[in-house]
Amino acid sequence: MTPETLARHELAGLDVAVTAALNPDLIGISGRVRDETMRTLLVAASDGVKQVPKAGTTFRFALKECGALRASDNESGQRPRAVIVEGDRLLARPARRSETHRGSLWQ
């Protein structure tokens, strides 16, 4: 998975944080994507599972990418890379979204 193809992949299991939202109560929710529906992400946060709407929300996903092993890297030798995605670009069923071949969906 690369930043360019993130929105075409299954998001479950990725670390995510809400960076902007129409509902200010959602900003700051972070954790691991537990599940995904056509219109929402279920995020396993420290205080429980939160259902976050995709529409009107901006997400920051942490992708792991291979790199040289350094003391600051994690044990697997991968560094997380932050990818910002507008939730409106994720509005589709996960299986259907992976079938589309649009341009880059990250900023």
Foldseek 3Di string as FASTA:
>chain_A
DDQQCVLLAFQAFWWKAWCFFPDVVRHGFTAGFHHDALFWTFHQGPVGTDTGGQARIKMWTWDWDADAADPPDDPVRTDTDIWIARSVSNRGGNVVSNPDDDGGGTD
